Amino acid sequence: MAEKNSKGQGRTALIVAIVAIGLYLATIMLNG
């Protein structure tokens, strides 16, 4: 159970990071 939780959190953090970067790049493109 604990191991599954750790992997889930890691995957969630990765998804959040990817989404954040995507929004950042999209904002730059829109402003540009």
Foldseek 3Di string as FASTA:
>chain_A
DVVVVVVVVVVVVVVVVVVVVVVVVVVVVVVD
